[in-house]
Amino acid sequence: MRILIQKFGGTSVATDETRACAAKKVSLARDAGYLPVVVVSAMGRNGAPYATDTLIRLVRSCNPNASERELDQMMYCGEIISAVMMTATLTAMGIPSVTLTGGQAGIITDDNFSNARIVKVQTTVLQSFLKQGIVPVVCGFQGVTREGAHTTLGRGGSDTTAAALGNALDAEKIEIYTDVAGIMTADPKLVSEARLLSVTTYQEVCQMAEQGAKVIHPRAVEIAMQKNIPLVIRSTFSDDAGTLITNQIAEMETNIEDQTVTSVAYVAGLAQIRLIAKQEPLVAAHIFRELGKNGVSADMINVCAERILFTVPDGCAEKTVKLLGSFPCQLYAQSDCAKVTIVGGGMRGVPGVMANFMEALQEENVEVLQTVDSHTTISALIKTEDLAKAVTVLHRKFRLSL
């Protein structure tokens, strides 16, 4: 069987008109000889009646301290409504289809409510429908524990659903449909010269997503990468090819390993925490264990004996200061920060990339508060007010519009 996974995001299933566009993609896939499995997100975005955030607000308006388990029961509803409407659209077009919840589709998870991990995908039901020529329309973002409790997979979980089904069914390809043309070299809202990437690698897309690019959930990419299943990011509303994500370099129009930098990504809404030792050296293990015990996730970590720098979300800054107030150090917090990152598998071992990175920011008088880097990324923490010009100048410096 030539199985194709087609995942449609919230804007693709929000109205009768957009669902008709999505259904056309399913019809074209069937005409091309594929057996599609459709995965859908909840309808619309924040503010829409059945969007996930709207459902969460409904529960919390009654009880701000509702448990994660109870929130999962409510969040389950958004995708069910979306899937039923998509099934109705396909059926009205003459395409036999059936709605399946995540649990009915065989997605078994742990019991970490609101951020569950998939432990197994049982494909018997899906394969039965596919053999009958029936299109399964699966509720993304959800699963079920072995005990039968409803769970959700965390933000971006519908992408994870699509990748997990593709992996379990040995799909030929996974298509992620959205309202943008594909993956861009930068946020086009900040950089007018940003261009579409026709092809990139799993590793680079994971880094883009981890560094703030709103492209696809990194967990979904990791799952697809396990079996080298090609991922395609496409627009529901055009016939453009979109962005192919793969490791098959020989199939690509350009050798992406020769590109030093592929994209510029960013994360806003951060606070920098600085700890300066007073008398004795700082013990980083004790500091980060205290944060971990209290659910504070740190990023951009720089550690030495006399000083520790890291970032937390702005909303966690006050909590972090209180948690670490008893440690023998001077403690400072600076809010309204952002992380800007260049991503590129080709920068590994290439000299001069950091120099160009810092030179570009210096040319625009962007103050750098700290940096971190890896073999495939370089990041700088800057003030939020400098974010737009930092992204723009880095995009230009590394010639990403060409």
Protein backbone atom coordinates (compact mmCIF):
# COMPACT_ATOMS: atom_id res chain seq x y z
CA MET A 1 0.00 0.00 0.00
CA ARG A 2 1.22 3.50 -0.89
CA ILE A 3 0.25 5.31 2.30
CA LEU A 4 0.37 9.09 2.54
CA ILE A 5 -0.14 11.04 5.77
CA GLN A 6 -1.79 14.45 5.26
CA LYS A 7 -1.97 16.69 8.30
CA PHE A 8 -4.06 19.88 8.18
CA GLY A 9 -3.56 22.68 10.69
CA GLY A 10 -6.21 24.77 12.38
CA THR A 11 -6.51 27.41 9.67
CA SER A 12 -6.90 24.69 7.02
CA VAL A 13 -10.02 23.27 8.68
CA ALA A 14 -11.51 26.44 10.16
CA THR A 15 -14.33 27.09 7.67
CA ASP A 16 -16.35 25.37 4.96
CA GLU A 17 -14.17 27.04 2.33
CA THR A 18 -10.85 26.07 3.86
CA ARG A 19 -12.00 22.49 4.51
CA ALA A 20 -12.98 22.26 0.84
CA CYS A 21 -9.41 23.23 -0.10
CA ALA A 22 -8.06 20.58 2.27
CA ALA A 23 -10.43 17.96 0.91
CA LYS A 24 -9.21 18.72 -2.61
CA LYS A 25 -5.67 17.80 -1.50
CA VAL A 26 -7.00 14.47 -0.24
CA SER A 27 -8.83 13.87 -3.52
CA LEU A 28 -5.69 14.63 -5.56
CA ALA A 29 -3.68 12.21 -3.42
CA ARG A 30 -6.21 9.45 -4.08
CA ASP A 31 -6.11 10.20 -7.80
CA ALA A 32 -2.30 9.83 -7.66
CA GLY A 33 -2.65 6.31 -6.26
CA TYR A 34 -2.12 7.02 -2.58
CA LEU A 35 -4.13 5.78 0.38
CA PRO A 36 -4.36 8.93 2.50
CA VAL A 37 -4.57 9.07 6.27
CA VAL A 38 -5.77 12.53 7.30
CA VAL A 39 -4.77 14.14 10.60
CA VAL A 40 -6.48 17.35 11.74
CA SER A 41 -5.90 20.01 14.37
CA ALA A 42 -8.66 21.87 16.21
CA MET A 43 -10.53 24.40 14.08
CA GLY A 44 -9.05 27.90 13.92
CA ARG A 45 -6.61 29.68 16.17
CA ASN A 46 -6.81 31.40 19.53
CA GLY A 47 -10.17 33.13 19.82
CA ALA A 48 -12.05 30.81 17.47
CA PRO A 49 -14.95 28.99 19.21
CA TYR A 50 -13.41 25.51 19.07
CA ALA A 51 -9.70 26.39 19.20
CA THR A 52 -7.65 24.69 21.92
CA ASP A 53 -6.85 27.92 23.76
CA THR A 54 -10.55 28.84 23.77
CA LEU A 55 -11.45 25.51 25.37
CA ILE A 56 -8.72 25.90 27.99
CA ARG A 57 -9.99 29.36 28.91
CA LEU A 58 -13.52 27.98 29.26
CA VAL A 59 -12.41 25.47 31.88
CA ARG A 60 -10.17 27.91 33.75
CA SER A 61 -12.90 30.53 33.87
CA CYS A 62 -14.71 28.06 36.14
CA ASN A 63 -11.65 26.69 37.95
CA PRO A 64 -8.22 28.31 37.43
CA ASN A 65 -6.62 25.30 39.13
CA ALA A 66 -8.23 22.57 37.02
CA SER A 67 -6.00 19.51 36.81
CA GLU A 68 -4.07 18.60 33.67
CA ARG A 69 -6.18 15.43 33.44
CA GLU A 70 -9.41 17.45 33.36
CA LEU A 71 -7.98 19.92 30.86
CA ASP A 72 -7.15 16.99 28.57
CA GLN A 73 -10.79 15.91 28.65
CA MET A 74 -11.81 19.35 27.37
CA MET A 75 -8.97 19.75 24.86
CA TYR A 76 -9.91 16.38 23.36
CA CYS A 77 -13.13 17.99 22.12
CA GLY A 78 -11.52 20.46 19.70
CA GLU A 79 -9.98 17.85 17.42
CA ILE A 80 -13.10 15.67 17.54
CA ILE A 81 -15.25 18.53 16.24
CA SER A 82 -12.67 19.26 13.54
CA ALA A 83 -12.37 15.62 12.47
CA VAL A 84 -16.13 15.10 12.24
CA MET A 85 -16.47 18.22 10.07
CA MET A 86 -13.60 17.11 7.84
CA THR A 87 -15.15 13.65 7.48
CA ALA A 88 -18.47 15.24 6.54
CA THR A 89 -16.73 17.38 3.92
CA LEU A 90 -14.96 14.41 2.36
CA THR A 91 -18.08 12.25 2.38
CA ALA A 92 -20.09 14.99 0.69
CA MET A 93 -17.46 14.95 -2.08
CA GLY A 94 -17.95 11.23 -2.57
CA ILE A 95 -14.81 10.19 -0.68
CA PRO A 96 -15.60 7.45 1.86
CA SER A 97 -14.10 8.45 5.21
CA VAL A 98 -14.40 7.83 8.94
CA THR A 99 -13.58 9.84 12.06
CA LEU A 100 -11.21 8.29 14.60
CA THR A 101 -10.04 9.73 17.92
CA GLY A 102 -6.37 9.35 18.72
CA GLY A 103 -7.16 6.35 20.89
CA GLN A 104 -9.37 4.73 18.23
CA ALA A 105 -6.51 5.20 15.75
CA GLY A 106 -4.28 3.16 18.06
CA ILE A 107 -2.15 5.90 19.64
CA ILE A 108 -1.15 4.71 23.12
CA THR A 109 0.60 7.18 25.43
CA ASP A 110 1.97 7.49 28.94
CA ASP A 111 -0.10 9.30 31.58
CA ASN A 112 1.78 12.62 31.53
CA PHE A 113 -1.42 14.59 30.98
CA SER A 114 -1.23 17.65 28.68
CA ASN A 115 2.24 16.63 27.49
CA ALA A 116 2.00 12.88 26.95
CA ARG A 117 4.55 10.83 25.05
CA ILE A 118 3.54 8.17 22.53
CA VAL A 119 4.65 4.72 23.64
CA LYS A 120 3.01 2.61 20.93
CA VAL A 121 0.88 2.89 17.78
CA GLN A 122 -1.42 -0.03 17.04
CA THR A 123 -2.27 0.10 13.33
CA THR A 124 -4.83 -2.72 12.98
CA VAL A 125 -7.87 -0.43 12.79
CA LEU A 126 -6.21 2.03 10.42
CA GLN A 127 -5.04 -0.69 8.07
CA SER A 128 -8.51 -2.25 8.01
CA PHE A 129 -10.08 1.02 6.83
CA LEU A 130 -7.31 1.64 4.30
CA LYS A 131 -7.79 -1.80 2.74
CA GLN A 132 -11.47 -0.95 2.27
CA GLY A 133 -10.59 2.30 0.51
CA ILE A 134 -11.91 4.39 3.42
CA VAL A 135 -9.96 7.51 4.42
CA PRO A 136 -9.34 7.62 8.18
CA VAL A 137 -9.64 11.16 9.56
CA VAL A 138 -7.66 11.08 12.80
CA CYS A 139 -7.87 13.59 15.63
CA GLY A 140 -4.38 15.00 16.03
CA PHE A 141 -2.80 15.99 19.34
CA GLN A 142 -4.38 13.17 21.32
CA GLY A 143 -4.00 9.61 22.49
CA VAL A 144 -5.12 7.29 25.23
CA THR A 145 -3.34 5.56 28.11
CA ARG A 146 -3.35 1.79 28.48
CA GLU A 147 -6.02 2.33 31.15
CA GLY A 148 -8.22 4.26 28.70
CA ALA A 149 -7.70 7.84 29.96
CA HIS A 150 -7.66 10.61 27.35
CA THR A 151 -4.32 12.41 26.93
CA THR A 152 -2.96 15.22 24.77
CA LEU A 153 0.54 15.49 23.33
CA GLY A 154 1.41 19.10 24.10
CA ARG A 155 1.71 22.07 21.76
CA GLY A 156 2.36 21.04 18.17
CA GLY A 157 1.03 17.60 19.01
CA SER A 158 -0.88 17.17 15.74
CA ASP A 159 2.44 17.22 13.89
CA THR A 160 3.63 14.50 16.25
CA THR A 161 0.49 12.46 15.56
CA ALA A 162 1.11 12.67 11.81
CA ALA A 163 4.74 11.61 12.15
CA ALA A 164 3.94 8.76 14.53
CA LEU A 165 1.28 7.37 12.17
CA GLY A 166 3.64 7.75 9.23
CA ASN A 167 6.34 5.84 11.08
CA ALA A 168 4.00 3.05 12.24
CA LEU A 169 2.36 2.64 8.81
CA ASP A 170 5.63 2.91 6.83
CA ALA A 171 4.14 5.82 4.90
CA GLU A 172 5.74 6.91 1.66
CA LYS A 173 5.53 10.57 2.68
CA ILE A 174 4.14 12.91 5.35
CA GLU A 175 2.61 16.19 4.22
CA ILE A 176 2.05 19.00 6.74
CA TYR A 177 -0.45 21.52 5.36
CA THR A 178 -0.64 25.03 6.76
CA ASP A 179 -1.40 28.60 5.68
CA VAL A 180 2.17 29.39 4.59
CA ALA A 181 4.08 28.26 1.51
CA GLY A 182 6.69 26.30 3.45
CA ILE A 183 9.77 26.97 5.57
CA MET A 184 11.29 30.42 5.13
CA THR A 185 14.86 31.61 5.72
CA ALA A 186 13.45 34.02 8.34
CA ASP A 187 10.14 35.30 9.63
CA PRO A 188 8.72 37.23 6.64
CA LYS A 189 6.96 39.54 9.10
CA LEU A 190 10.40 40.81 10.10
CA VAL A 191 12.39 40.26 6.91
CA SER A 192 10.72 41.17 3.64
CA GLU A 193 13.54 39.47 1.67
CA ALA A 194 12.98 36.10 3.36
CA ARG A 195 12.71 33.32 0.79
CA LEU A 196 11.25 29.87 0.70
CA LEU A 197 13.57 26.92 1.29
CA SER A 198 12.78 24.30 -1.34
CA VAL A 199 14.68 21.64 0.60
CA THR A 200 16.40 21.20 3.95
CA THR A 201 17.45 18.43 6.34
CA TYR A 202 15.78 16.90 9.37
CA GLN A 203 18.60 18.15 11.59
CA GLU A 204 18.34 21.74 10.42
CA VAL A 205 14.57 21.84 10.79
CA CYS A 206 14.83 20.45 14.33
CA GLN A 207 17.25 23.24 15.16
CA MET A 208 15.00 25.87 13.55
CA ALA A 209 12.05 24.66 15.59
CA GLU A 210 14.04 24.47 18.82
CA GLN A 211 15.29 28.02 18.24
CA GLY A 212 11.80 29.44 17.83
CA ALA A 213 10.85 29.06 14.16
CA LYS A 214 7.15 28.22 13.87
CA VAL A 215 7.57 25.48 11.28
CA ILE A 216 6.93 22.01 12.71
CA HIS A 217 7.26 20.38 16.10
CA PRO A 218 10.83 19.01 16.52
CA ARG A 219 9.48 15.77 18.00
CA ALA A 220 7.61 15.14 14.75
CA VAL A 221 10.80 15.59 12.74
CA GLU A 222 12.71 13.23 15.01
CA ILE A 223 10.04 10.53 14.58
CA ALA A 224 10.02 10.86 10.77
CA MET A 225 13.80 10.77 10.72
CA GLN A 226 13.83 7.33 12.38
CA LYS A 227 12.70 5.77 9.08
CA ASN A 228 13.85 8.55 6.73
CA ILE A 229 10.26 9.34 5.74
CA PRO A 230 10.23 12.55 3.69
CA LEU A 231 8.32 15.43 5.25
CA VAL A 232 6.78 18.18 3.13
CA ILE A 233 5.57 21.51 4.52
CA ARG A 234 3.00 22.97 2.10
CA SER A 235 0.18 25.48 1.84
CA THR A 236 -3.37 24.18 1.77
CA PHE A 237 -4.31 27.09 -0.45
CA SER A 238 -1.85 26.75 -3.34
CA ASP A 239 -0.32 24.10 -5.59
CA ASP A 240 3.26 25.10 -4.77
CA ALA A 241 5.64 22.27 -3.90
CA GLY A 242 6.53 23.69 -0.47
CA THR A 243 9.61 22.62 1.50
CA LEU A 244 10.96 19.07 1.39
CA ILE A 245 12.64 17.81 4.58
CA THR A 246 14.87 14.81 4.00
CA ASN A 247 18.36 13.35 4.36
CA GLN A 248 18.57 12.32 0.72
CA ILE A 249 21.08 14.95 -0.35
CA ALA A 250 21.48 13.49 -3.81
CA GLU A 251 17.83 14.24 -4.61
CA MET A 252 18.17 17.91 -3.79
CA GLU A 253 18.52 20.71 -6.31
CA THR A 254 21.38 22.18 -4.31
CA ASN A 255 23.88 20.62 -1.97
CA ILE A 256 22.68 22.03 1.31
CA GLU A 257 25.82 20.90 3.07
CA ASP A 258 27.63 23.68 1.18
CA GLN A 259 25.37 26.31 2.73
CA THR A 260 26.96 27.67 5.88
CA VAL A 261 23.74 29.18 7.25
CA THR A 262 20.23 28.13 6.28
CA SER A 263 17.98 30.39 8.35
CA VAL A 264 17.59 32.92 11.14
CA ALA A 265 15.23 32.09 14.01
CA TYR A 266 14.30 33.85 17.22
CA VAL A 267 12.57 33.50 20.58
CA ALA A 268 11.15 36.58 22.31
CA GLY A 269 9.81 37.03 25.83
CA LEU A 270 12.94 36.00 27.75
CA ALA A 271 14.68 37.22 30.89
CA GLN A 272 18.40 36.92 31.58
CA ILE A 273 19.44 35.73 35.04
CA ARG A 274 22.96 36.57 36.22
CA LEU A 275 24.52 35.08 39.37
CA ILE A 276 27.85 36.51 40.53
CA ALA A 277 29.74 34.70 43.31
CA LYS A 278 30.37 36.69 46.51
CA GLN A 279 33.05 34.65 48.27
CA GLU A 280 32.96 30.95 47.40
CA PRO A 281 32.56 29.48 43.91
CA LEU A 282 29.02 28.89 42.71
CA VAL A 283 27.87 25.27 42.61
CA ALA A 284 25.91 25.04 39.37
CA ALA A 285 24.47 21.61 40.14
CA HIS A 286 22.70 22.93 43.26
CA ILE A 287 21.34 25.96 41.40
CA PHE A 288 19.90 24.06 38.45
CA ARG A 289 18.57 21.27 40.65
CA GLU A 290 16.60 23.86 42.62
CA LEU A 291 15.17 25.26 39.39
CA GLY A 292 14.34 21.79 38.07
CA LYS A 293 12.53 20.77 41.27
CA ASN A 294 10.32 23.83 40.87
CA GLY A 295 9.55 23.43 37.18
CA VAL A 296 11.75 26.24 35.84
CA SER A 297 13.45 25.44 32.53
CA ALA A 298 16.69 27.33 31.83
CA ASP A 299 18.23 28.03 28.42
CA MET A 300 21.37 29.72 27.04
CA ILE A 301 23.38 28.45 30.01
CA ASN A 302 26.92 29.82 30.57
CA VAL A 303 28.73 28.43 33.64
CA CYS A 304 32.03 29.26 35.30
CA ALA A 305 33.11 29.21 38.96
CA GLU A 306 32.47 32.90 39.62
CA ARG A 307 29.49 33.54 37.33
CA ILE A 308 26.46 31.77 35.90
CA LEU A 309 24.26 33.20 33.15
CA PHE A 310 21.06 31.70 31.77
CA THR A 311 17.64 32.66 30.46
CA VAL A 312 14.11 31.83 31.54
CA PRO A 313 10.74 32.92 30.13
CA ASP A 314 9.85 36.42 31.28
CA GLY A 315 6.95 35.02 33.26
CA CYS A 316 9.33 32.86 35.33
CA ALA A 317 11.83 35.60 36.19
CA GLU A 318 10.29 36.63 39.51
CA LYS A 319 9.89 33.01 40.60
CA THR A 320 13.51 32.28 39.66
CA VAL A 321 14.83 35.21 41.70
CA LYS A 322 12.86 34.03 44.74
CA LEU A 323 14.08 30.44 44.38
CA LEU A 324 17.74 31.44 44.17
CA GLY A 325 17.65 34.30 46.66
CA SER A 326 19.29 32.25 49.42
CA PHE A 327 22.34 31.26 47.37
CA PRO A 328 25.65 33.04 48.23
CA CYS A 329 25.73 35.34 45.21
CA GLN A 330 24.65 38.63 43.74
CA LEU A 331 21.61 38.00 41.61
CA TYR A 332 20.37 40.13 38.70
CA ALA A 333 17.44 39.71 36.35
CA GLN A 334 16.96 41.57 33.07
CA SER A 335 13.62 41.19 31.34
CA ASP A 336 12.49 42.09 27.79
CA CYS A 337 15.18 40.00 26.12
CA ALA A 338 15.14 37.88 22.96
CA LYS A 339 17.34 35.14 21.53
CA VAL A 340 18.32 35.41 17.87
CA THR A 341 19.93 32.36 16.23
CA ILE A 342 21.53 31.43 12.93
CA VAL A 343 21.04 27.79 11.95
CA GLY A 344 23.04 25.80 9.43
CA GLY A 345 24.43 22.30 9.13
CA GLY A 346 27.17 23.70 6.91
CA MET A 347 28.78 25.83 9.62
CA ARG A 348 30.34 22.81 11.34
CA GLY A 349 34.12 23.33 11.35
CA VAL A 350 33.96 26.46 9.20
CA PRO A 351 36.14 29.28 10.61
CA GLY A 352 34.91 32.86 10.73
CA VAL A 353 31.18 32.26 11.20
CA MET A 354 31.15 33.67 14.73
CA ALA A 355 33.15 36.68 13.55
CA ASN A 356 30.62 37.42 10.83
CA PHE A 357 27.76 36.91 13.29
CA MET A 358 29.18 39.38 15.82
CA GLU A 359 30.26 41.83 13.13
CA ALA A 360 26.73 41.96 11.71
CA LEU A 361 25.20 42.77 15.09
CA GLN A 362 27.91 45.32 15.83
CA GLU A 363 27.20 47.09 12.54
CA GLU A 364 23.63 47.73 13.73
CA ASN A 365 24.71 48.64 17.28
CA VAL A 366 22.89 45.63 18.72
CA GLU A 367 24.09 45.01 22.26
CA VAL A 368 24.92 41.35 22.87
CA LEU A 369 24.20 40.25 26.44
CA GLN A 370 25.58 36.73 26.02
CA THR A 371 26.09 34.04 23.39
CA VAL A 372 25.88 30.26 23.11
CA ASP A 373 26.77 28.06 20.17
CA SER A 374 26.87 24.50 18.89
CA HIS A 375 28.15 22.83 15.73
CA THR A 376 25.04 23.99 13.84
CA THR A 377 23.82 27.12 15.68
CA ILE A 378 25.04 30.43 17.04
CA SER A 379 22.73 32.38 19.34
CA ALA A 380 22.89 35.82 20.93
CA LEU A 381 20.76 37.21 23.71
CA ILE A 382 19.74 40.77 22.91
CA LYS A 383 17.18 43.34 24.00
CA THR A 384 13.73 42.80 22.50
CA GLU A 385 13.76 46.31 21.04
CA ASP A 386 16.69 45.26 18.81
CA LEU A 387 15.12 42.02 17.58
CA ALA A 388 13.81 43.13 14.18
CA LYS A 389 17.04 44.77 13.09
CA ALA A 390 19.13 41.87 14.42
CA VAL A 391 17.17 39.28 12.41
CA THR A 392 17.30 41.50 9.31
CA VAL A 393 21.04 42.21 9.46
CA LEU A 394 21.93 38.53 10.06
CA HIS A 395 19.73 37.49 7.15
CA ARG A 396 21.55 39.98 4.95
CA LYS A 397 25.05 39.20 6.32
CA PHE A 398 24.75 35.51 5.47
CA ARG A 399 23.17 36.24 2.07
CA LEU A 400 20.04 34.19 2.75
CA SER A 401 17.88 36.08 0.25
CA LEU A 402 20.00 34.83 -2.68
